[in-house]
Amino acid sequence: MLIRKIEERDNADIAAVIRSCFADFNAPTKGTVFEDPTTDDLYNVFRKEKSVLYIAEENGEIVGSCGICPTENLPEDTAEMVKFYLTKNSRGKGTGRALMETALETARQMGYRKIYIESLPEFTKALSMYEKQGFKLLEKPLGNSCHTGCNIWMLKDIAD
């Protein structure tokens, strides 16, 4: 498995991976990344300062992604972990853990001290993984991600 930063040629493939997860888990799409038009142009989204999107590739095929982004109205020391999705065949093989660890280490290097996540209850395995990695549930959202369909919010302290 190769983990690398997104390239422009990845846009369509990673958008397809993200949207396939909603079908895999029968998750609602309204007010989520599924409907977000920027999902089709993630290369340009992640060109902004203090953000990165990592791609997992296996045998030349994109199998997942995980990114860090300074979402609007988050505290300055906090980034959002975003676009964390895996293909059905790559789940349960350590791909997600490798992507998350890479993204969290990069967030530390960028100077972030906390990582925020928004999710959905349908993504049960992801939520379990977040909890095992030290993310704590919040009562309300932080920042302004514009993904109003998400109703689970979590935060993790990553300061050394």
C-alpha atoms as a PDB file:
ATOM      1  CA  MET A   1       0.000   0.000   0.000  1.00  0.00           C
ATOM      2  CA  LEU A   2       1.167   3.493  -0.884  1.00  0.00           C
ATOM      3  CA  ILE A   3       0.059   6.591   1.019  1.00  0.00           C
ATOM      4  CA  ARG A   4       0.631   9.840  -0.846  1.00  0.00           C
ATOM      5  CA  LYS A   5      -0.782  13.341  -1.217  1.00  0.00           C
ATOM      6  CA  ILE A   6      -3.667  13.891  -3.610  1.00  0.00           C
ATOM      7  CA  GLU A   7      -2.901  14.726  -7.224  1.00  0.00           C
ATOM      8  CA  GLU A   8      -5.257  16.427  -9.664  1.00  0.00           C
ATOM      9  CA  ARG A   9      -5.769  13.180 -11.591  1.00  0.00           C
ATOM     10  CA  ASP A  10      -7.277  11.615  -8.417  1.00  0.00           C
ATOM     11  CA  ASN A  11     -10.373  13.840  -8.258  1.00  0.00           C
ATOM     12  CA  ALA A  12     -12.908  11.548  -9.954  1.00  0.00           C
ATOM     13  CA  ASP A  13     -11.642   8.346  -8.321  1.00  0.00           C
ATOM     14  CA  ILE A  14     -11.634   9.677  -4.766  1.00  0.00           C
ATOM     15  CA  ALA A  15     -15.076  11.292  -5.233  1.00  0.00           C
ATOM     16  CA  ALA A  16     -16.367   7.870  -6.316  1.00  0.00           C
ATOM     17  CA  VAL A  17     -14.812   6.188  -3.252  1.00  0.00           C
ATOM     18  CA  ILE A  18     -16.400   8.754  -0.931  1.00  0.00           C
ATOM     19  CA  ARG A  19     -19.849   8.447  -2.477  1.00  0.00           C
ATOM     20  CA  SER A  20     -19.703   4.643  -2.539  1.00  0.00           C
ATOM     21  CA  CYS A  21     -19.359   4.595   1.253  1.00  0.00           C
ATOM     22  CA  PHE A  22     -22.756   6.225   1.642  1.00  0.00           C
ATOM     23  CA  ALA A  23     -24.336   3.423  -0.393  1.00  0.00           C
ATOM     24  CA  ASP A  24     -22.335   0.744   1.455  1.00  0.00           C
ATOM     25  CA  PHE A  25     -23.703   1.912   4.818  1.00  0.00           C
ATOM     26  CA  ASN A  26     -27.104   3.181   3.645  1.00  0.00           C
ATOM     27  CA  ALA A  27     -26.170   6.581   5.083  1.00  0.00           C
ATOM     28  CA  PRO A  28     -28.183   9.739   4.399  1.00  0.00           C
ATOM     29  CA  THR A  29     -26.661  11.995   1.757  1.00  0.00           C
ATOM     30  CA  LYS A  30     -28.448  15.305   2.356  1.00  0.00           C
ATOM     31  CA  GLY A  31     -26.239  17.904   4.020  1.00  0.00           C
ATOM     32  CA  THR A  32     -23.118  15.739   3.710  1.00  0.00           C
ATOM     33  CA  VAL A  33     -19.945  15.472   1.650  1.00  0.00           C
ATOM     34  CA  PHE A  34     -21.970  13.305  -0.762  1.00  0.00           C
ATOM     35  CA  GLU A  35     -23.813  16.404  -2.038  1.00  0.00           C
ATOM     36  CA  ASP A  36     -20.955  18.874  -1.549  1.00  0.00           C
ATOM     37  CA  PRO A  37     -19.801  20.097  -4.992  1.00  0.00           C
ATOM     38  CA  THR A  38     -16.216  20.443  -3.745  1.00  0.00           C
ATOM     39  CA  THR A  39     -16.072  16.633  -3.466  1.00  0.00           C
ATOM     40  CA  ASP A  40     -15.442  16.586  -7.216  1.00  0.00           C
ATOM     41  CA  ASP A  41     -12.441  18.941  -6.980  1.00  0.00           C
ATOM     42  CA  LEU A  42     -10.593  17.868  -3.848  1.00  0.00           C
ATOM     43  CA  TYR A  43      -7.164  18.505  -5.342  1.00  0.00           C
ATOM     44  CA  ASN A  44      -7.891  22.252  -5.393  1.00  0.00           C
ATOM     45  CA  VAL A  45      -9.675  22.192  -2.033  1.00  0.00           C
ATOM     46  CA  PHE A  46      -6.552  20.816  -0.372  1.00  0.00           C
ATOM     47  CA  ARG A  47      -4.141  23.283  -1.950  1.00  0.00           C
ATOM     48  CA  LYS A  48      -4.939  25.816   0.758  1.00  0.00           C
ATOM     49  CA  GLU A  49      -2.469  26.450   3.552  1.00  0.00           C
ATOM     50  CA  LYS A  50      -2.316  24.059   6.516  1.00  0.00           C
ATOM     51  CA  SER A  51      -4.376  21.384   4.786  1.00  0.00           C
ATOM     52  CA  VAL A  52      -3.562  18.039   3.193  1.00  0.00           C
ATOM     53  CA  LEU A  53      -5.415  15.066   1.733  1.00  0.00           C
ATOM     54  CA  TYR A  54      -3.702  11.702   1.760  1.00  0.00           C
ATOM     55  CA  ILE A  55      -4.648   8.994  -0.701  1.00  0.00           C
ATOM     56  CA  ALA A  56      -4.181   5.263  -0.102  1.00  0.00           C
ATOM     57  CA  GLU A  57      -3.336   3.358  -3.249  1.00  0.00           C
ATOM     58  CA  GLU A  58      -3.103  -0.399  -3.720  1.00  0.00           C
ATOM     59  CA  ASN A  59      -1.947  -1.950  -6.985  1.00  0.00           C
ATOM     60  CA  GLY A  60      -2.495   1.378  -8.744  1.00  0.00           C
ATOM     61  CA  GLU A  61      -6.073   1.711  -7.473  1.00  0.00           C
ATOM     62  CA  ILE A  62      -7.245   4.412  -5.055  1.00  0.00           C
ATOM     63  CA  VAL A  63      -8.733   2.676  -2.016  1.00  0.00           C
ATOM     64  CA  GLY A  64      -9.125   5.500   0.488  1.00  0.00           C
ATOM     65  CA  SER A  65      -8.409   8.995   1.722  1.00  0.00           C
ATOM     66  CA  CYS A  66      -7.986  11.014   4.899  1.00  0.00           C
ATOM     67  CA  GLY A  67      -7.332  14.722   5.197  1.00  0.00           C
ATOM     68  CA  ILE A  68      -6.717  17.616   7.534  1.00  0.00           C
ATOM     69  CA  CYS A  69      -8.296  21.000   6.894  1.00  0.00           C
ATOM     70  CA  PRO A  70      -8.651  24.275   8.852  1.00  0.00           C
ATOM     71  CA  THR A  71     -12.460  24.414   8.704  1.00  0.00           C
ATOM     72  CA  GLU A  72     -14.016  27.859   8.980  1.00  0.00           C
ATOM     73  CA  ASN A  73     -14.644  29.106  12.538  1.00  0.00           C
ATOM     74  CA  LEU A  74     -12.702  26.342  14.289  1.00  0.00           C
ATOM     75  CA  PRO A  75     -10.280  27.510  16.989  1.00  0.00           C
ATOM     76  CA  GLU A  76      -6.882  28.372  15.481  1.00  0.00           C
ATOM     77  CA  ASP A  77      -5.199  25.335  17.071  1.00  0.00           C
ATOM     78  CA  THR A  78      -7.850  22.928  15.723  1.00  0.00           C
ATOM     79  CA  ALA A  79      -8.193  21.256  12.332  1.00  0.00           C
ATOM     80  CA  GLU A  80     -10.920  19.015  11.030  1.00  0.00           C
ATOM     81  CA  MET A  81     -10.125  15.482   9.918  1.00  0.00           C
ATOM     82  CA  VAL A  82     -12.064  15.167   6.682  1.00  0.00           C
ATOM     83  CA  LYS A  83     -12.702  12.932   3.688  1.00  0.00           C
ATOM     84  CA  PHE A  84     -11.816   9.795   5.655  1.00  0.00           C
ATOM     85  CA  TYR A  85     -13.298   7.039   3.505  1.00  0.00           C
ATOM     86  CA  LEU A  86     -12.242   3.558   2.371  1.00  0.00           C
ATOM     87  CA  THR A  87     -13.420   1.200  -0.341  1.00  0.00           C
ATOM     88  CA  LYS A  88     -15.295  -1.875   0.852  1.00  0.00           C
ATOM     89  CA  ASN A  89     -12.345  -4.167   0.017  1.00  0.00           C
ATOM     90  CA  SER A  90      -9.799  -2.087   1.934  1.00  0.00           C
ATOM     91  CA  ARG A  91     -11.689  -1.951   5.250  1.00  0.00           C
ATOM     92  CA  GLY A  92     -10.374  -3.988   8.173  1.00  0.00           C
ATOM     93  CA  LYS A  93      -6.868  -4.306   6.727  1.00  0.00           C
ATOM     94  CA  GLY A  94      -5.086  -1.450   8.510  1.00  0.00           C
ATOM     95  CA  THR A  95      -5.486   1.002   5.636  1.00  0.00           C
ATOM     96  CA  GLY A  96      -7.662   3.357   7.661  1.00  0.00           C
ATOM     97  CA  ARG A  97      -5.323   3.282  10.629  1.00  0.00           C
ATOM     98  CA  ALA A  98      -2.321   4.049   8.393  1.00  0.00           C
ATOM     99  CA  LEU A  99      -4.146   6.947   6.738  1.00  0.00           C
ATOM    100  CA  MET A 100      -5.295   8.354  10.080  1.00  0.00           C
ATOM    101  CA  GLU A 101      -1.846   8.090  11.671  1.00  0.00           C
ATOM    102  CA  THR A 102      -0.281   9.831   8.674  1.00  0.00           C
ATOM    103  CA  ALA A 103      -2.860  12.628   8.786  1.00  0.00           C
ATOM    104  CA  LEU A 104      -2.572  13.105  12.559  1.00  0.00           C
ATOM    105  CA  GLU A 105       1.232  13.252  12.428  1.00  0.00           C
ATOM    106  CA  THR A 106       1.051  15.847   9.664  1.00  0.00           C
ATOM    107  CA  ALA A 107      -1.461  17.859  11.716  1.00  0.00           C
ATOM    108  CA  ARG A 108       1.005  17.902  14.625  1.00  0.00           C
ATOM    109  CA  GLN A 109       3.782  19.054  12.298  1.00  0.00           C
ATOM    110  CA  MET A 110       1.499  21.829  11.011  1.00  0.00           C
ATOM    111  CA  GLY A 111       1.072  23.061  14.586  1.00  0.00           C
ATOM    112  CA  TYR A 112      -2.436  21.855  15.302  1.00  0.00           C
ATOM    113  CA  ARG A 113      -3.169  20.735  18.861  1.00  0.00           C
ATOM    114  CA  LYS A 114      -6.676  19.318  18.408  1.00  0.00           C
ATOM    115  CA  ILE A 115      -8.507  17.398  15.700  1.00  0.00           C
ATOM    116  CA  TYR A 116     -12.258  17.631  15.160  1.00  0.00           C
ATOM    117  CA  ILE A 117     -14.423  15.087  13.310  1.00  0.00           C
ATOM    118  CA  GLU A 118     -18.006  15.151  12.069  1.00  0.00           C
ATOM    119  CA  SER A 119     -19.683  11.857  11.225  1.00  0.00           C
ATOM    120  CA  LEU A 120     -22.894   9.874  10.973  1.00  0.00           C
ATOM    121  CA  PRO A 121     -24.203   7.027  13.182  1.00  0.00           C
ATOM    122  CA  GLU A 122     -24.322   4.699  10.159  1.00  0.00           C
ATOM    123  CA  PHE A 123     -20.507   4.654  10.059  1.00  0.00           C
ATOM    124  CA  THR A 124     -20.315   2.434  13.161  1.00  0.00           C
ATOM    125  CA  LYS A 125     -16.878   0.913  12.532  1.00  0.00           C
ATOM    126  CA  ALA A 126     -15.353   4.325  11.880  1.00  0.00           C
ATOM    127  CA  LEU A 127     -16.897   5.698  15.079  1.00  0.00           C
ATOM    128  CA  SER A 128     -15.489   2.772  17.043  1.00  0.00           C
ATOM    129  CA  MET A 129     -12.056   3.415  15.548  1.00  0.00           C
ATOM    130  CA  TYR A 130     -12.240   7.116  16.451  1.00  0.00           C
ATOM    131  CA  GLU A 131     -13.076   6.248  20.057  1.00  0.00           C
ATOM    132  CA  LYS A 132     -10.191   3.750  20.224  1.00  0.00           C
ATOM    133  CA  GLN A 133      -7.893   6.477  18.906  1.00  0.00           C
ATOM    134  CA  GLY A 134      -8.930   8.816  21.734  1.00  0.00           C
ATOM    135  CA  PHE A 135     -11.607  10.964  20.126  1.00  0.00           C
ATOM    136  CA  LYS A 136     -14.279  12.142  22.590  1.00  0.00           C
ATOM    137  CA  LEU A 137     -17.927  12.860  21.773  1.00  0.00           C
ATOM    138  CA  LEU A 138     -19.114  16.473  21.792  1.00  0.00           C
ATOM    139  CA  GLU A 139     -22.645  17.727  22.441  1.00  0.00           C
ATOM    140  CA  LYS A 140     -22.670  20.156  19.518  1.00  0.00           C
ATOM    141  CA  PRO A 141     -20.664  20.932  16.377  1.00  0.00           C
ATOM    142  CA  LEU A 142     -17.608  23.164  16.206  1.00  0.00           C
ATOM    143  CA  GLY A 143     -16.794  25.457  13.306  1.00  0.00           C
ATOM    144  CA  ASN A 144     -18.765  25.695  10.090  1.00  0.00           C
ATOM    145  CA  SER A 145     -18.202  22.704   7.824  1.00  0.00           C
ATOM    146  CA  CYS A 146     -21.562  23.255   6.052  1.00  0.00           C
ATOM    147  CA  HIS A 147     -22.287  19.520   6.428  1.00  0.00           C
ATOM    148  CA  THR A 148     -25.498  19.965   8.359  1.00  0.00           C
ATOM    149  CA  GLY A 149     -26.474  16.301   7.937  1.00  0.00           C
ATOM    150  CA  CYS A 150     -23.719  15.146  10.290  1.00  0.00           C
ATOM    151  CA  ASN A 151     -24.958  14.633  13.841  1.00  0.00           C
ATOM    152  CA  ILE A 152     -21.929  13.132  15.564  1.00  0.00           C
ATOM    153  CA  TRP A 153     -19.070  15.416  16.564  1.00  0.00           C
ATOM    154  CA  MET A 154     -15.806  14.355  18.164  1.00  0.00           C
ATOM    155  CA  LEU A 155     -12.560  15.966  19.312  1.00  0.00           C
ATOM    156  CA  LYS A 156      -9.078  14.655  20.074  1.00  0.00           C
ATOM    157  CA  ASP A 157      -6.134  16.398  21.719  1.00  0.00           C
ATOM    158  CA  ILE A 158      -2.981  15.666  19.698  1.00  0.00           C
ATOM    159  CA  ALA A 159      -0.574  17.980  21.537  1.00  0.00           C
ATOM    160  CA  ASP A 160       2.629  16.239  22.560  1.00  0.00           C
END
